[in-house]
């Protein structure tokens, strides 16, 4: 009944009762265009992304993970979700608002 989108290996075979309500990795909780990709999904599958990607240095990456706004030069003129990464790996999902990058990573991931 949920509009969420999940991804799993095509050879997953479920047996037994009761069957689980969901299986796999959550891609987004709502269908596009209103859906936001989960940070876990982006960490797993967005390493090769080439559009709407922001690469942060160490200081800005720490600020992003603390959910503090980061000033950026937008790659497009729309408010949109994006992939946020460092040179080494994907941090997760962000949202562009003008010249500000807002963290969409789960609050439980905040660095101290």
C-alpha atoms as a PDB file:
ATOM      1  CA  UNK A   1       0.000   0.000   0.000  1.00  0.00           C
ATOM      2  CA  UNK A   2       2.998   2.339   0.337  1.00  0.00           C
ATOM      3  CA  UNK A   3       4.145   4.473  -2.609  1.00  0.00           C
ATOM      4  CA  UNK A   4       7.756   3.798  -1.562  1.00  0.00           C
ATOM      5  CA  UNK A   5      10.216   2.414  -4.106  1.00  0.00           C
ATOM      6  CA  UNK A   6      12.542  -0.412  -3.093  1.00  0.00           C
ATOM      7  CA  UNK A   7      15.331  -2.169  -5.002  1.00  0.00           C
ATOM      8  CA  UNK A   8      16.485  -5.738  -4.548  1.00  0.00           C
ATOM      9  CA  UNK A   9      18.399  -8.407  -6.410  1.00  0.00           C
ATOM     10  CA  UNK A  10      16.247 -10.014  -9.077  1.00  0.00           C
ATOM     11  CA  UNK A  11      16.889 -13.506  -7.712  1.00  0.00           C
ATOM     12  CA  UNK A  12      15.377 -12.831  -4.252  1.00  0.00           C
ATOM     13  CA  UNK A  13      12.942 -15.596  -3.364  1.00  0.00           C
ATOM     14  CA  UNK A  14      10.729 -15.256  -0.297  1.00  0.00           C
ATOM     15  CA  UNK A  15       9.392 -18.281   1.543  1.00  0.00           C
ATOM     16  CA  UNK A  16       7.624 -18.920   4.808  1.00  0.00           C
ATOM     17  CA  UNK A  17       5.008 -17.063   6.741  1.00  0.00           C
ATOM     18  CA  UNK A  18       4.531 -14.375   7.559  1.00  0.00           C
ATOM     19  CA  UNK A  19       6.179 -12.738   4.565  1.00  0.00           C
ATOM     20  CA  UNK A  20       7.994  -9.454   5.262  1.00  0.00           C
ATOM     21  CA  UNK A  21       6.238  -6.218   4.330  1.00  0.00           C
ATOM     22  CA  UNK A  22       9.301  -4.927   2.478  1.00  0.00           C
ATOM     23  CA  UNK A  23      12.490  -6.408   1.088  1.00  0.00           C
ATOM     24  CA  UNK A  24      15.576  -4.645  -0.210  1.00  0.00           C
ATOM     25  CA  UNK A  25      17.010  -1.160  -0.077  1.00  0.00           C
ATOM     26  CA  UNK A  26      14.709   1.864   0.153  1.00  0.00           C
ATOM     27  CA  UNK A  27      15.211   4.107  -2.893  1.00  0.00           C
ATOM     28  CA  UNK A  28      12.589   6.756  -2.018  1.00  0.00           C
ATOM     29  CA  UNK A  29       9.517   6.993   0.208  1.00  0.00           C
ATOM     30  CA  UNK A  30       7.365   8.729  -2.423  1.00  0.00           C
ATOM     31  CA  UNK A  31       7.254   8.196  -6.164  1.00  0.00           C
ATOM     32  CA  UNK A  32       8.794  10.815  -8.451  1.00  0.00           C
ATOM     33  CA  UNK A  33       8.514  13.720  -8.942  1.00  0.00           C
ATOM     34  CA  UNK A  34       7.889  14.381  -5.228  1.00  0.00           C
ATOM     35  CA  UNK A  35      10.154  11.594  -4.007  1.00  0.00           C
ATOM     36  CA  UNK A  36      13.534  12.227  -2.407  1.00  0.00           C
ATOM     37  CA  UNK A  37      16.277   9.624  -2.870  1.00  0.00           C
ATOM     38  CA  UNK A  38      17.516   8.147   0.394  1.00  0.00           C
ATOM     39  CA  UNK A  39      21.100   8.783   1.417  1.00  0.00           C
ATOM     40  CA  UNK A  40      21.691   5.037   1.833  1.00  0.00           C
ATOM     41  CA  UNK A  41      20.566   4.428  -1.765  1.00  0.00           C
ATOM     42  CA  UNK A  42      22.804   7.241  -3.043  1.00  0.00           C
ATOM     43  CA  UNK A  43      25.799   5.916  -1.087  1.00  0.00           C
ATOM     44  CA  UNK A  44      25.354   2.533  -2.753  1.00  0.00           C
ATOM     45  CA  UNK A  45      24.456   3.551  -6.318  1.00  0.00           C
ATOM     46  CA  UNK A  46      25.430   7.186  -7.011  1.00  0.00           C
ATOM     47  CA  UNK A  47      29.227   6.920  -7.163  1.00  0.00           C
ATOM     48  CA  UNK A  48      29.102   7.321 -10.945  1.00  0.00           C
ATOM     49  CA  UNK A  49      26.531  10.136 -10.988  1.00  0.00           C
ATOM     50  CA  UNK A  50      27.396  13.033 -13.300  1.00  0.00           C
ATOM     51  CA  UNK A  51      24.420  15.414 -12.888  1.00  0.00           C
ATOM     52  CA  UNK A  52      23.385  17.404  -9.810  1.00  0.00           C
ATOM     53  CA  UNK A  53      26.550  16.369  -7.959  1.00  0.00           C
ATOM     54  CA  UNK A  54      28.379  18.566  -5.443  1.00  0.00           C
ATOM     55  CA  UNK A  55      31.874  17.591  -4.327  1.00  0.00           C
ATOM     56  CA  UNK A  56      32.833  19.035  -0.949  1.00  0.00           C
ATOM     57  CA  UNK A  57      36.175  19.517   0.725  1.00  0.00           C
ATOM     58  CA  UNK A  58      36.808  18.162   4.236  1.00  0.00           C
ATOM     59  CA  UNK A  59      35.536  21.217   6.174  1.00  0.00           C
ATOM     60  CA  UNK A  60      32.334  21.581   4.149  1.00  0.00           C
ATOM     61  CA  UNK A  61      31.752  17.818   4.308  1.00  0.00           C
ATOM     62  CA  UNK A  62      31.881  17.956   8.111  1.00  0.00           C
ATOM     63  CA  UNK A  63      29.450  20.882   8.118  1.00  0.00           C
ATOM     64  CA  UNK A  64      27.141  18.998   5.748  1.00  0.00           C
ATOM     65  CA  UNK A  65      27.142  15.907   7.985  1.00  0.00           C
ATOM     66  CA  UNK A  66      26.342  18.141  10.998  1.00  0.00           C
ATOM     67  CA  UNK A  67      23.356  19.381   8.930  1.00  0.00           C
ATOM     68  CA  UNK A  68      24.728  22.921   8.767  1.00  0.00           C
ATOM     69  CA  UNK A  69      24.110  24.887   5.533  1.00  0.00           C
ATOM     70  CA  UNK A  70      26.981  24.995   3.045  1.00  0.00           C
ATOM     71  CA  UNK A  71      27.392  27.806   0.500  1.00  0.00           C
ATOM     72  CA  UNK A  72      27.775  26.516  -3.069  1.00  0.00           C
ATOM     73  CA  UNK A  73      27.725  27.636  -6.680  1.00  0.00           C
ATOM     74  CA  UNK A  74      24.557  25.979  -8.066  1.00  0.00           C
ATOM     75  CA  UNK A  75      24.931  23.649 -11.055  1.00  0.00           C
ATOM     76  CA  UNK A  76      21.381  24.458 -12.196  1.00  0.00           C
ATOM     77  CA  UNK A  77      18.779  27.140 -11.497  1.00  0.00           C
ATOM     78  CA  UNK A  78      16.214  24.946  -9.782  1.00  0.00           C
ATOM     79  CA  UNK A  79      15.650  23.925  -6.201  1.00  0.00           C
ATOM     80  CA  UNK A  80      16.366  20.238  -6.341  1.00  0.00           C
ATOM     81  CA  UNK A  81      17.784  17.194  -4.621  1.00  0.00           C
ATOM     82  CA  UNK A  82      21.374  16.337  -5.378  1.00  0.00           C
ATOM     83  CA  UNK A  83      24.194  13.912  -4.688  1.00  0.00           C
ATOM     84  CA  UNK A  84      26.746  15.214  -2.188  1.00  0.00           C
ATOM     85  CA  UNK A  85      30.174  13.640  -2.125  1.00  0.00           C
ATOM     86  CA  UNK A  86      33.814  14.100  -1.246  1.00  0.00           C
ATOM     87  CA  UNK A  87      36.603  13.072  -3.611  1.00  0.00           C
ATOM     88  CA  UNK A  88      36.560   9.617  -1.976  1.00  0.00           C
ATOM     89  CA  UNK A  89      32.892   8.708  -1.446  1.00  0.00           C
ATOM     90  CA  UNK A  90      29.220   9.716  -1.527  1.00  0.00           C
ATOM     91  CA  UNK A  91      27.975  11.378   1.682  1.00  0.00           C
ATOM     92  CA  UNK A  92      24.276  11.271   0.798  1.00  0.00           C
ATOM     93  CA  UNK A  93      21.376  13.422  -0.331  1.00  0.00           C
ATOM     94  CA  UNK A  94      21.337  17.202  -0.271  1.00  0.00           C
ATOM     95  CA  UNK A  95      18.889  19.884  -1.363  1.00  0.00           C
ATOM     96  CA  UNK A  96      19.825  23.073  -3.209  1.00  0.00           C
ATOM     97  CA  UNK A  97      18.101  26.297  -2.162  1.00  0.00           C
ATOM     98  CA  UNK A  98      19.579  29.166  -4.114  1.00  0.00           C
ATOM     99  CA  UNK A  99      23.284  29.209  -3.209  1.00  0.00           C
ATOM    100  CA  UNK A 100      22.835  27.035  -0.121  1.00  0.00           C
ATOM    101  CA  UNK A 101      23.308  23.282   0.091  1.00  0.00           C
ATOM    102  CA  UNK A 102      21.054  21.809   2.776  1.00  0.00           C
ATOM    103  CA  UNK A 103      21.795  18.369   4.202  1.00  0.00           C
ATOM    104  CA  UNK A 104      19.115  15.708   3.819  1.00  0.00           C
ATOM    105  CA  UNK A 105      21.107  12.967   5.540  1.00  0.00           C
ATOM    106  CA  UNK A 106      19.330  11.383   8.516  1.00  0.00           C
ATOM    107  CA  UNK A 107      19.719  13.297  11.785  1.00  0.00           C
ATOM    108  CA  UNK A 108      21.063  10.119  13.378  1.00  0.00           C
ATOM    109  CA  UNK A 109      24.108  10.382  11.076  1.00  0.00           C
ATOM    110  CA  UNK A 110      25.163  13.795  12.428  1.00  0.00           C
ATOM    111  CA  UNK A 111      28.847  13.960  13.301  1.00  0.00           C
ATOM    112  CA  UNK A 112      29.814  15.482  16.621  1.00  0.00           C
END
